[in-house]
Amino acid sequence: MRRLIAMLTIAWLAGAGLARAQAFPPNETGVTMGHWHLNTRDIEAHKKIFVTLGGEATKAGNFEVVRFPGVVVYLHQNNVPPPTGGTVGTVVNHVGFIVQNVQQSVARWKAAGLAVIPGNNNRTDQAFVETPDSLRIEILEDRNQKFPIQHHHVHFWVPQAQVTEIQAWYAKHFGARPGMRGQNQAADLPGVNLTFSPTDMPTVTTKGRVLDHIGFDVRDLAAFVKKLEAAGVKIDRPFTPNNQGGGLAFVYDPWGTYIELNQRPNQVYVTE
């Protein structure tokens, strides 16, 4: 674990410049969406998918990454076993992007050789993409947004009785603004909508699956982690500072979502 954290720290430092301009300004709690960290068998295949979707491929230390407004996608987790499964079956059932026009985007992606799954019930403003390691990605539409594609949501599936509880948990600890997304309870953070749906199916932790963890950037991480610890949040790795004025930590939510927290010095934010 220490070796993994050391490698993640190196990659984080090397990638700080590229990631800086991907995050949206943090909320009053100091939190904004940061990254997805994939554990994938085939880096190049996944990189091709994300670049076809409209991301920008680059390097972050030993890591191949693809960046979008609102999120940086890390494509590989070094020196760990292959993923034990896809996102379906974990607490994070899928993740999502939003584009200006779904049908135009789908036509362009198909022409580039990307397999696209139609939307539910013949919806023309929705589509899905699934990677070879079964990362499920929903595509939605907002014709008024600034960017051709940007990060949109992380979709949690939890038991019906716990939907309000998970919404309140992210509101309390991350300052997420509670609300609704369609028929689902949700909570908004800069760069991401956290959507919560009920399920009767058992779910497992994200750790070890293709989407090993999600990441948030935090303005004052040392103080933030102290507050989480005092509130009884499960800390997997305490705040680890670096000589650049930042640091990282790892925590779990009560439903098994593995979460990386980063403080990035001299952060520059994108604006909508």
C-alpha atoms as a PDB file:
ATOM      1  CA  MET A   1       0.000   0.000   0.000  1.00  0.00           C
ATOM      2  CA  ARG A   2       2.824   2.438   0.879  1.00  0.00           C
ATOM      3  CA  ARG A   3       4.471   1.779  -2.460  1.00  0.00           C
ATOM      4  CA  LEU A   4       1.200   2.452  -4.266  1.00  0.00           C
ATOM      5  CA  ILE A   5       0.680   5.704  -2.356  1.00  0.00           C
ATOM      6  CA  ALA A   6       4.251   6.786  -3.139  1.00  0.00           C
ATOM      7  CA  MET A   7       3.690   6.142  -6.839  1.00  0.00           C
ATOM      8  CA  LEU A   8       0.376   7.970  -6.745  1.00  0.00           C
ATOM      9  CA  THR A   9       2.078  10.929  -5.068  1.00  0.00           C
ATOM     10  CA  ILE A  10       4.767  11.055  -7.750  1.00  0.00           C
ATOM     11  CA  ALA A  11       2.155  10.883 -10.474  1.00  0.00           C
ATOM     12  CA  TRP A  12       0.080  13.523  -8.724  1.00  0.00           C
ATOM     13  CA  LEU A  13       3.055  15.900  -8.535  1.00  0.00           C
ATOM     14  CA  ALA A  14       4.011  15.313 -12.150  1.00  0.00           C
ATOM     15  CA  GLY A  15       0.420  15.816 -13.248  1.00  0.00           C
ATOM     16  CA  ALA A  16      -0.392  18.798 -11.070  1.00  0.00           C
ATOM     17  CA  GLY A  17       0.067  21.240 -13.919  1.00  0.00           C
ATOM     18  CA  LEU A  18      -2.127  19.352 -16.365  1.00  0.00           C
ATOM     19  CA  ALA A  19      -4.851  18.712 -13.817  1.00  0.00           C
ATOM     20  CA  ARG A  20      -4.951  22.262 -12.489  1.00  0.00           C
ATOM     21  CA  ALA A  21      -7.002  23.640 -15.334  1.00  0.00           C
ATOM     22  CA  GLN A  22      -9.529  20.796 -15.338  1.00  0.00           C
ATOM     23  CA  ALA A  23     -11.229  21.444 -12.009  1.00  0.00           C
ATOM     24  CA  PHE A  24     -14.055  23.900 -11.480  1.00  0.00           C
ATOM     25  CA  PRO A  25     -13.791  26.386  -8.592  1.00  0.00           C
ATOM     26  CA  PRO A  26     -14.445  24.675  -5.227  1.00  0.00           C
ATOM     27  CA  ASN A  27     -17.539  25.184  -3.118  1.00  0.00           C
ATOM     28  CA  GLU A  28     -17.624  26.901   0.279  1.00  0.00           C
ATOM     29  CA  THR A  29     -16.372  23.697   1.919  1.00  0.00           C
ATOM     30  CA  GLY A  30     -13.336  23.836  -0.376  1.00  0.00           C
ATOM     31  CA  VAL A  31     -14.244  20.754  -2.462  1.00  0.00           C
ATOM     32  CA  THR A  32     -14.411  20.238  -6.229  1.00  0.00           C
ATOM     33  CA  MET A  33     -14.463  17.169  -8.492  1.00  0.00           C
ATOM     34  CA  GLY A  34     -10.995  15.869  -9.323  1.00  0.00           C
ATOM     35  CA  HIS A  35     -10.574  12.523 -11.069  1.00  0.00           C
ATOM     36  CA  TRP A  36     -11.569   8.952 -11.816  1.00  0.00           C
ATOM     37  CA  HIS A  37      -8.880   6.349 -11.238  1.00  0.00           C
ATOM     38  CA  LEU A  38      -9.277   3.297 -13.460  1.00  0.00           C
ATOM     39  CA  ASN A  39      -7.645  -0.081 -12.969  1.00  0.00           C
ATOM     40  CA  THR A  40      -7.533  -1.297 -16.552  1.00  0.00           C
ATOM     41  CA  ARG A  41      -5.943  -4.215 -18.383  1.00  0.00           C
ATOM     42  CA  ASP A  42      -5.572  -2.309 -21.670  1.00  0.00           C
ATOM     43  CA  ILE A  43      -4.426   1.282 -21.319  1.00  0.00           C
ATOM     44  CA  GLU A  44      -4.268   2.023 -25.030  1.00  0.00           C
ATOM     45  CA  ALA A  45      -7.776   0.731 -25.733  1.00  0.00           C
ATOM     46  CA  HIS A  46      -9.201   2.863 -22.957  1.00  0.00           C
ATOM     47  CA  LYS A  47      -7.169   5.898 -23.963  1.00  0.00           C
ATOM     48  CA  LYS A  48      -8.530   5.592 -27.513  1.00  0.00           C
ATOM     49  CA  ILE A  49     -12.099   5.520 -26.179  1.00  0.00           C
ATOM     50  CA  PHE A  50     -11.678   8.630 -24.032  1.00  0.00           C
ATOM     51  CA  VAL A  51      -9.847  10.546 -26.751  1.00  0.00           C
ATOM     52  CA  THR A  52     -12.603   9.624 -29.215  1.00  0.00           C
ATOM     53  CA  LEU A  53     -15.135  10.971 -26.722  1.00  0.00           C
ATOM     54  CA  GLY A  54     -13.275  14.281 -26.813  1.00  0.00           C
ATOM     55  CA  GLY A  55     -10.669  14.162 -24.051  1.00  0.00           C
ATOM     56  CA  GLU A  56      -7.035  15.214 -24.226  1.00  0.00           C
ATOM     57  CA  ALA A  57      -4.461  12.476 -23.622  1.00  0.00           C
ATOM     58  CA  THR A  58      -1.262  13.273 -21.761  1.00  0.00           C
ATOM     59  CA  LYS A  59       1.109  11.858 -19.135  1.00  0.00           C
ATOM     60  CA  ALA A  60       1.184  12.271 -15.359  1.00  0.00           C
ATOM     61  CA  GLY A  61       4.385  10.653 -14.161  1.00  0.00           C
ATOM     62  CA  ASN A  62       4.037   6.931 -14.902  1.00  0.00           C
ATOM     63  CA  PHE A  63       0.344   7.292 -15.610  1.00  0.00           C
ATOM     64  CA  GLU A  64      -1.494   7.740 -18.884  1.00  0.00           C
ATOM     65  CA  VAL A  65      -4.355  10.170 -18.321  1.00  0.00           C
ATOM     66  CA  VAL A  66      -7.089  11.804 -20.365  1.00  0.00           C
ATOM     67  CA  ARG A  67      -8.465  15.112 -19.217  1.00  0.00           C
ATOM     68  CA  PHE A  68     -11.874  16.693 -19.645  1.00  0.00           C
ATOM     69  CA  PRO A  69     -13.440  19.824 -18.178  1.00  0.00           C
ATOM     70  CA  GLY A  70     -14.358  18.733 -14.669  1.00  0.00           C
ATOM     71  CA  VAL A  71     -12.379  15.486 -14.429  1.00  0.00           C
ATOM     72  CA  VAL A  72      -9.038  13.832 -15.170  1.00  0.00           C
ATOM     73  CA  VAL A  73      -9.266  10.120 -16.023  1.00  0.00           C
ATOM     74  CA  TYR A  74      -6.288   8.060 -14.803  1.00  0.00           C
ATOM     75  CA  LEU A  75      -6.066   4.946 -16.955  1.00  0.00           C
ATOM     76  CA  HIS A  76      -3.937   2.586 -14.907  1.00  0.00           C
ATOM     77  CA  GLN A  77      -3.069   1.717 -11.342  1.00  0.00           C
ATOM     78  CA  ASN A  78       0.479   0.375 -11.235  1.00  0.00           C
ATOM     79  CA  ASN A  79       1.506  -2.918  -9.655  1.00  0.00           C
ATOM     80  CA  VAL A  80      -1.930  -4.102  -8.586  1.00  0.00           C
ATOM     81  CA  PRO A  81      -4.004  -7.080  -9.794  1.00  0.00           C
ATOM     82  CA  PRO A  82      -6.360  -6.663 -12.771  1.00  0.00           C
ATOM     83  CA  PRO A  83      -9.833  -5.358 -11.993  1.00  0.00           C
ATOM     84  CA  THR A  84     -12.148  -7.841 -10.328  1.00  0.00           C
ATOM     85  CA  GLY A  85     -15.129  -6.520 -12.274  1.00  0.00           C
ATOM     86  CA  GLY A  86     -16.826  -3.527 -13.858  1.00  0.00           C
ATOM     87  CA  THR A  87     -18.760  -0.708 -12.275  1.00  0.00           C
ATOM     88  CA  VAL A  88     -22.119  -2.507 -12.345  1.00  0.00           C
ATOM     89  CA  GLY A  89     -22.376  -4.371  -9.045  1.00  0.00           C
ATOM     90  CA  THR A  90     -20.445  -1.731  -7.109  1.00  0.00           C
ATOM     91  CA  VAL A  91     -21.858   1.186  -5.164  1.00  0.00           C
ATOM     92  CA  VAL A  92     -20.925   3.402  -8.156  1.00  0.00           C
ATOM     93  CA  ASN A  93     -22.993   1.823 -10.915  1.00  0.00           C
ATOM     94  CA  HIS A  94     -21.765   4.203 -13.609  1.00  0.00           C
ATOM     95  CA  VAL A  95     -20.332   7.614 -14.338  1.00  0.00           C
ATOM     96  CA  GLY A  96     -21.410  10.190 -16.887  1.00  0.00           C
ATOM     97  CA  PHE A  97     -20.459  12.915 -19.340  1.00  0.00           C
ATOM     98  CA  ILE A  98     -22.661  15.571 -20.892  1.00  0.00           C
ATOM     99  CA  VAL A  99     -22.374  16.818 -24.475  1.00  0.00           C
ATOM    100  CA  GLN A 100     -23.959  19.587 -26.497  1.00  0.00           C
ATOM    101  CA  ASN A 101     -25.758  17.219 -28.867  1.00  0.00           C
ATOM    102  CA  VAL A 102     -25.978  13.471 -28.225  1.00  0.00           C
ATOM    103  CA  GLN A 103     -26.990  12.414 -31.738  1.00  0.00           C
ATOM    104  CA  GLN A 104     -24.249  14.442 -33.420  1.00  0.00           C
ATOM    105  CA  SER A 105     -21.695  13.141 -30.920  1.00  0.00           C
ATOM    106  CA  VAL A 106     -22.828   9.533 -31.370  1.00  0.00           C
ATOM    107  CA  ALA A 107     -22.577   9.812 -35.168  1.00  0.00           C
ATOM    108  CA  ARG A 108     -19.046  11.188 -34.866  1.00  0.00           C
ATOM    109  CA  TRP A 109     -17.989   8.506 -32.380  1.00  0.00           C
ATOM    110  CA  LYS A 110     -19.430   5.681 -34.460  1.00  0.00           C
ATOM    111  CA  ALA A 111     -17.619   7.000 -37.528  1.00  0.00           C
ATOM    112  CA  ALA A 112     -14.419   6.784 -35.482  1.00  0.00           C
ATOM    113  CA  GLY A 113     -15.161   3.136 -34.640  1.00  0.00           C
ATOM    114  CA  LEU A 114     -16.527   3.554 -31.115  1.00  0.00           C
ATOM    115  CA  ALA A 115     -19.343   1.222 -30.061  1.00  0.00           C
ATOM    116  CA  VAL A 116     -22.240   3.181 -28.575  1.00  0.00           C
ATOM    117  CA  ILE A 117     -25.290   1.772 -26.778  1.00  0.00           C
ATOM    118  CA  PRO A 118     -28.603   3.571 -27.488  1.00  0.00           C
ATOM    119  CA  GLY A 119     -30.416   5.436 -24.746  1.00  0.00           C
ATOM    120  CA  ASN A 120     -33.154   3.863 -22.640  1.00  0.00           C
ATOM    121  CA  ASN A 121     -36.646   3.723 -24.167  1.00  0.00           C
ATOM    122  CA  ASN A 122     -35.344   5.149 -27.469  1.00  0.00           C
ATOM    123  CA  ARG A 123     -34.254   8.403 -25.851  1.00  0.00           C
ATOM    124  CA  THR A 124     -32.318  10.541 -28.327  1.00  0.00           C
ATOM    125  CA  ASP A 125     -30.735  12.699 -25.610  1.00  0.00           C
ATOM    126  CA  GLN A 126     -29.020   9.750 -23.919  1.00  0.00           C
ATOM    127  CA  ALA A 127     -26.490   7.076 -24.892  1.00  0.00           C
ATOM    128  CA  PHE A 128     -24.053   4.725 -23.158  1.00  0.00           C
ATOM    129  CA  VAL A 129     -20.475   3.656 -23.747  1.00  0.00           C
ATOM    130  CA  GLU A 130     -18.944   0.638 -22.041  1.00  0.00           C
ATOM    131  CA  THR A 131     -15.191   0.060 -21.991  1.00  0.00           C
ATOM    132  CA  PRO A 132     -13.508  -3.364 -22.413  1.00  0.00           C
ATOM    133  CA  ASP A 133     -13.153  -3.577 -18.611  1.00  0.00           C
ATOM    134  CA  SER A 134     -16.863  -2.733 -18.168  1.00  0.00           C
ATOM    135  CA  LEU A 135     -16.673   0.841 -17.022  1.00  0.00           C
ATOM    136  CA  ARG A 136     -20.204   2.034 -17.792  1.00  0.00           C
ATOM    137  CA  ILE A 137     -20.447   5.638 -19.007  1.00  0.00           C
ATOM    138  CA  GLU A 138     -23.727   7.468 -19.536  1.00  0.00           C
ATOM    139  CA  ILE A 139     -23.877  10.298 -22.068  1.00  0.00           C
ATOM    140  CA  LEU A 140     -26.455  13.063 -21.592  1.00  0.00           C
ATOM    141  CA  GLU A 141     -27.216  16.321 -23.396  1.00  0.00           C
ATOM    142  CA  ASP A 142     -27.155  20.034 -22.596  1.00  0.00           C
ATOM    143  CA  ARG A 143     -27.269  22.147 -25.742  1.00  0.00           C
ATOM    144  CA  ASN A 144     -26.461  25.316 -23.794  1.00  0.00           C
ATOM    145  CA  GLN A 145     -23.216  24.216 -22.151  1.00  0.00           C
ATOM    146  CA  LYS A 146     -19.906  25.840 -23.026  1.00  0.00           C
ATOM    147  CA  PHE A 147     -17.811  22.723 -23.668  1.00  0.00           C
ATOM    148  CA  PRO A 148     -18.357  20.061 -26.363  1.00  0.00           C
ATOM    149  CA  ILE A 149     -18.062  17.456 -23.605  1.00  0.00           C
ATOM    150  CA  GLN A 150     -17.582  17.751 -19.869  1.00  0.00           C
ATOM    151  CA  HIS A 151     -17.865  15.650 -16.754  1.00  0.00           C
ATOM    152  CA  HIS A 152     -21.390  15.353 -15.433  1.00  0.00           C
ATOM    153  CA  HIS A 153     -22.190  12.738 -12.776  1.00  0.00           C
ATOM    154  CA  VAL A 154     -21.250   9.835 -10.553  1.00  0.00           C
ATOM    155  CA  HIS A 155     -24.259   7.546 -10.075  1.00  0.00           C
ATOM    156  CA  PHE A 156     -24.500   5.640  -6.791  1.00  0.00           C
ATOM    157  CA  TRP A 157     -26.813   2.662  -6.239  1.00  0.00           C
ATOM    158  CA  VAL A 158     -27.736   1.988  -2.613  1.00  0.00           C
ATOM    159  CA  PRO A 159     -30.646   0.346  -0.743  1.00  0.00           C
ATOM    160  CA  GLN A 160     -33.867   2.363  -0.818  1.00  0.00           C
ATOM    161  CA  ALA A 161     -33.718   3.083   2.906  1.00  0.00           C
ATOM    162  CA  GLN A 162     -30.244   4.611   2.533  1.00  0.00           C
ATOM    163  CA  VAL A 163     -30.797   6.994  -0.382  1.00  0.00           C
ATOM    164  CA  THR A 164     -31.552   9.966   1.854  1.00  0.00           C
ATOM    165  CA  GLU A 165     -28.711   8.936   4.172  1.00  0.00           C
ATOM    166  CA  ILE A 166     -26.048   8.950   1.436  1.00  0.00           C
ATOM    167  CA  GLN A 167     -27.325  12.260   0.099  1.00  0.00           C
ATOM    168  CA  ALA A 168     -27.037  13.748   3.596  1.00  0.00           C
ATOM    169  CA  TRP A 169     -23.570  12.224   4.084  1.00  0.00           C
ATOM    170  CA  TYR A 170     -22.106  13.991   1.052  1.00  0.00           C
ATOM    171  CA  ALA A 171     -23.919  17.190   1.972  1.00  0.00           C
ATOM    172  CA  LYS A 172     -22.548  17.130   5.505  1.00  0.00           C
ATOM    173  CA  HIS A 173     -18.949  16.170   4.799  1.00  0.00           C
ATOM    174  CA  PHE A 174     -18.311  17.583   1.314  1.00  0.00           C
ATOM    175  CA  GLY A 175     -20.709  20.501   1.214  1.00  0.00           C
ATOM    176  CA  ALA A 176     -22.665  18.961  -1.677  1.00  0.00           C
ATOM    177  CA  ARG A 177     -25.904  20.823  -2.391  1.00  0.00           C
ATOM    178  CA  PRO A 178     -28.904  18.448  -2.041  1.00  0.00           C
ATOM    179  CA  GLY A 179     -31.511  18.371  -4.771  1.00  0.00           C
ATOM    180  CA  MET A 180     -33.005  16.159  -7.448  1.00  0.00           C
ATOM    181  CA  ARG A 181     -31.831  14.956 -10.844  1.00  0.00           C
ATOM    182  CA  GLY A 182     -34.932  13.801 -12.626  1.00  0.00           C
ATOM    183  CA  GLN A 183     -36.639  11.315 -10.303  1.00  0.00           C
ATOM    184  CA  ASN A 184     -33.473  10.642  -8.313  1.00  0.00           C
ATOM    185  CA  GLN A 185     -32.217  12.336  -5.192  1.00  0.00           C
ATOM    186  CA  ALA A 186     -28.897  14.000  -5.857  1.00  0.00           C
ATOM    187  CA  ALA A 187     -26.310  16.432  -4.549  1.00  0.00           C
ATOM    188  CA  ASP A 188     -24.176  18.868  -6.539  1.00  0.00           C
ATOM    189  CA  LEU A 189     -20.488  19.643  -6.183  1.00  0.00           C
ATOM    190  CA  PRO A 190     -18.496  21.797  -8.595  1.00  0.00           C
ATOM    191  CA  GLY A 191     -17.855  19.666 -11.669  1.00  0.00           C
ATOM    192  CA  VAL A 192     -20.144  16.777 -10.697  1.00  0.00           C
ATOM    193  CA  ASN A 193     -23.675  15.768  -9.844  1.00  0.00           C
ATOM    194  CA  LEU A 194     -23.780  12.941  -7.310  1.00  0.00           C
ATOM    195  CA  THR A 195     -26.890  10.919  -8.145  1.00  0.00           C
ATOM    196  CA  PHE A 196     -28.403   8.365  -5.750  1.00  0.00           C
ATOM    197  CA  SER A 197     -30.726   5.579  -6.914  1.00  0.00           C
ATOM    198  CA  PRO A 198     -32.351   2.776  -4.913  1.00  0.00           C
ATOM    199  CA  THR A 199     -31.472  -0.836  -5.682  1.00  0.00           C
ATOM    200  CA  ASP A 200     -32.441  -4.233  -4.292  1.00  0.00           C
ATOM    201  CA  MET A 201     -29.218  -5.744  -5.577  1.00  0.00           C
ATOM    202  CA  PRO A 202     -26.245  -6.144  -3.219  1.00  0.00           C
ATOM    203  CA  THR A 203     -23.283  -3.914  -4.050  1.00  0.00           C
ATOM    204  CA  VAL A 204     -19.580  -4.043  -3.227  1.00  0.00           C
ATOM    205  CA  THR A 205     -16.810  -1.515  -2.761  1.00  0.00           C
ATOM    206  CA  THR A 206     -15.312   0.193  -5.789  1.00  0.00           C
ATOM    207  CA  LYS A 207     -11.794  -0.688  -4.614  1.00  0.00           C
ATOM    208  CA  GLY A 208     -10.273  -3.319  -6.869  1.00  0.00           C
ATOM    209  CA  ARG A 209     -12.843  -2.839  -9.636  1.00  0.00           C
ATOM    210  CA  VAL A 210     -12.276  -1.009 -12.932  1.00  0.00           C
ATOM    211  CA  LEU A 211     -13.248   2.303 -11.292  1.00  0.00           C
ATOM    212  CA  ASP A 212     -11.047   1.769  -8.264  1.00  0.00           C
ATOM    213  CA  HIS A 213     -11.754   5.169  -6.780  1.00  0.00           C
ATOM    214  CA  ILE A 214     -13.038   8.646  -7.440  1.00  0.00           C
ATOM    215  CA  GLY A 215     -11.126  11.742  -6.429  1.00  0.00           C
ATOM    216  CA  PHE A 216     -11.992  15.165  -5.085  1.00  0.00           C
ATOM    217  CA  ASP A 217      -9.680  18.173  -4.883  1.00  0.00           C
ATOM    218  CA  VAL A 218      -9.776  19.975  -1.538  1.00  0.00           C
ATOM    219  CA  ARG A 219      -8.509  23.451  -0.700  1.00  0.00           C
ATOM    220  CA  ASP A 220      -7.209  22.769   2.864  1.00  0.00           C
ATOM    221  CA  LEU A 221      -6.823  19.018   3.011  1.00  0.00           C
ATOM    222  CA  ALA A 222      -5.130  18.692   6.402  1.00  0.00           C
ATOM    223  CA  ALA A 223      -8.003  20.503   8.134  1.00  0.00           C
ATOM    224  CA  PHE A 224     -10.566  18.696   5.985  1.00  0.00           C
ATOM    225  CA  VAL A 225      -9.282  15.239   6.927  1.00  0.00           C
ATOM    226  CA  LYS A 226      -9.211  16.192  10.609  1.00  0.00           C
ATOM    227  CA  LYS A 227     -12.887  17.106  10.393  1.00  0.00           C
ATOM    228  CA  LEU A 228     -13.700  13.839   8.616  1.00  0.00           C
ATOM    229  CA  GLU A 229     -11.815  11.819  11.221  1.00  0.00           C
ATOM    230  CA  ALA A 230     -13.513  13.638  14.103  1.00  0.00           C
ATOM    231  CA  ALA A 231     -16.875  12.862  12.490  1.00  0.00           C
ATOM    232  CA  GLY A 232     -16.082   9.144  12.334  1.00  0.00           C
ATOM    233  CA  VAL A 233     -15.398   8.875   8.582  1.00  0.00           C
ATOM    234  CA  LYS A 234     -13.285   5.834   7.709  1.00  0.00           C
ATOM    235  CA  ILE A 235      -9.773   7.082   6.896  1.00  0.00           C
ATOM    236  CA  ASP A 236      -7.765   4.589   4.856  1.00  0.00           C
ATOM    237  CA  ARG A 237      -4.709   6.824   4.471  1.00  0.00           C
ATOM    238  CA  PRO A 238      -4.272   9.932   6.620  1.00  0.00           C
ATOM    239  CA  PHE A 239      -3.253  13.261   5.156  1.00  0.00           C
ATOM    240  CA  THR A 240       0.190  12.878   3.583  1.00  0.00           C
ATOM    241  CA  PRO A 241       1.801  16.242   2.783  1.00  0.00           C
ATOM    242  CA  ASN A 242       4.389  16.842   0.093  1.00  0.00           C
ATOM    243  CA  ASN A 243       7.079  19.458  -0.345  1.00  0.00           C
ATOM    244  CA  GLN A 244       5.024  21.324  -2.942  1.00  0.00           C
ATOM    245  CA  GLY A 245       2.531  22.600  -0.375  1.00  0.00           C
ATOM    246  CA  GLY A 246      -0.110  20.004  -1.106  1.00  0.00           C
ATOM    247  CA  GLY A 247      -0.823  16.387  -0.259  1.00  0.00           C
ATOM    248  CA  LEU A 248      -3.281  13.526  -0.469  1.00  0.00           C
ATOM    249  CA  ALA A 249      -5.432  11.197   1.631  1.00  0.00           C
ATOM    250  CA  PHE A 250      -7.763   8.232   1.061  1.00  0.00           C
ATOM    251  CA  VAL A 251     -11.129   7.617   2.721  1.00  0.00           C
ATOM    252  CA  TYR A 252     -14.208   5.432   2.303  1.00  0.00           C
ATOM    253  CA  ASP A 253     -17.819   6.478   2.404  1.00  0.00           C
ATOM    254  CA  PRO A 254     -20.061   4.146   4.471  1.00  0.00           C
ATOM    255  CA  TRP A 255     -21.249   2.354   1.307  1.00  0.00           C
ATOM    256  CA  GLY A 256     -17.776   1.346   0.110  1.00  0.00           C
ATOM    257  CA  THR A 257     -16.888   4.106  -2.333  1.00  0.00           C
ATOM    258  CA  TYR A 258     -13.115   4.496  -2.241  1.00  0.00           C
ATOM    259  CA  ILE A 259     -12.230   8.201  -2.399  1.00  0.00           C
ATOM    260  CA  GLU A 260      -8.924   9.957  -2.962  1.00  0.00           C
ATOM    261  CA  LEU A 261      -8.579  13.516  -1.684  1.00  0.00           C
ATOM    262  CA  ASN A 262      -5.972  15.877  -3.125  1.00  0.00           C
ATOM    263  CA  GLN A 263      -4.715  19.322  -2.305  1.00  0.00           C
ATOM    264  CA  ARG A 264      -3.083  20.806  -5.388  1.00  0.00           C
ATOM    265  CA  PRO A 265      -0.932  23.924  -4.876  1.00  0.00           C
ATOM    266  CA  ASN A 266      -1.372  26.898  -7.198  1.00  0.00           C
ATOM    267  CA  GLN A 267      -4.594  25.464  -8.588  1.00  0.00           C
ATOM    268  CA  VAL A 268      -6.035  27.202 -11.655  1.00  0.00           C
ATOM    269  CA  TYR A 269      -9.710  26.599 -12.333  1.00  0.00           C
ATOM    270  CA  VAL A 270     -11.822  26.429 -15.467  1.00  0.00           C
ATOM    271  CA  THR A 271     -15.031  28.432 -15.598  1.00  0.00           C
ATOM    272  CA  GLU A 272     -18.353  27.553 -17.195  1.00  0.00           C
END
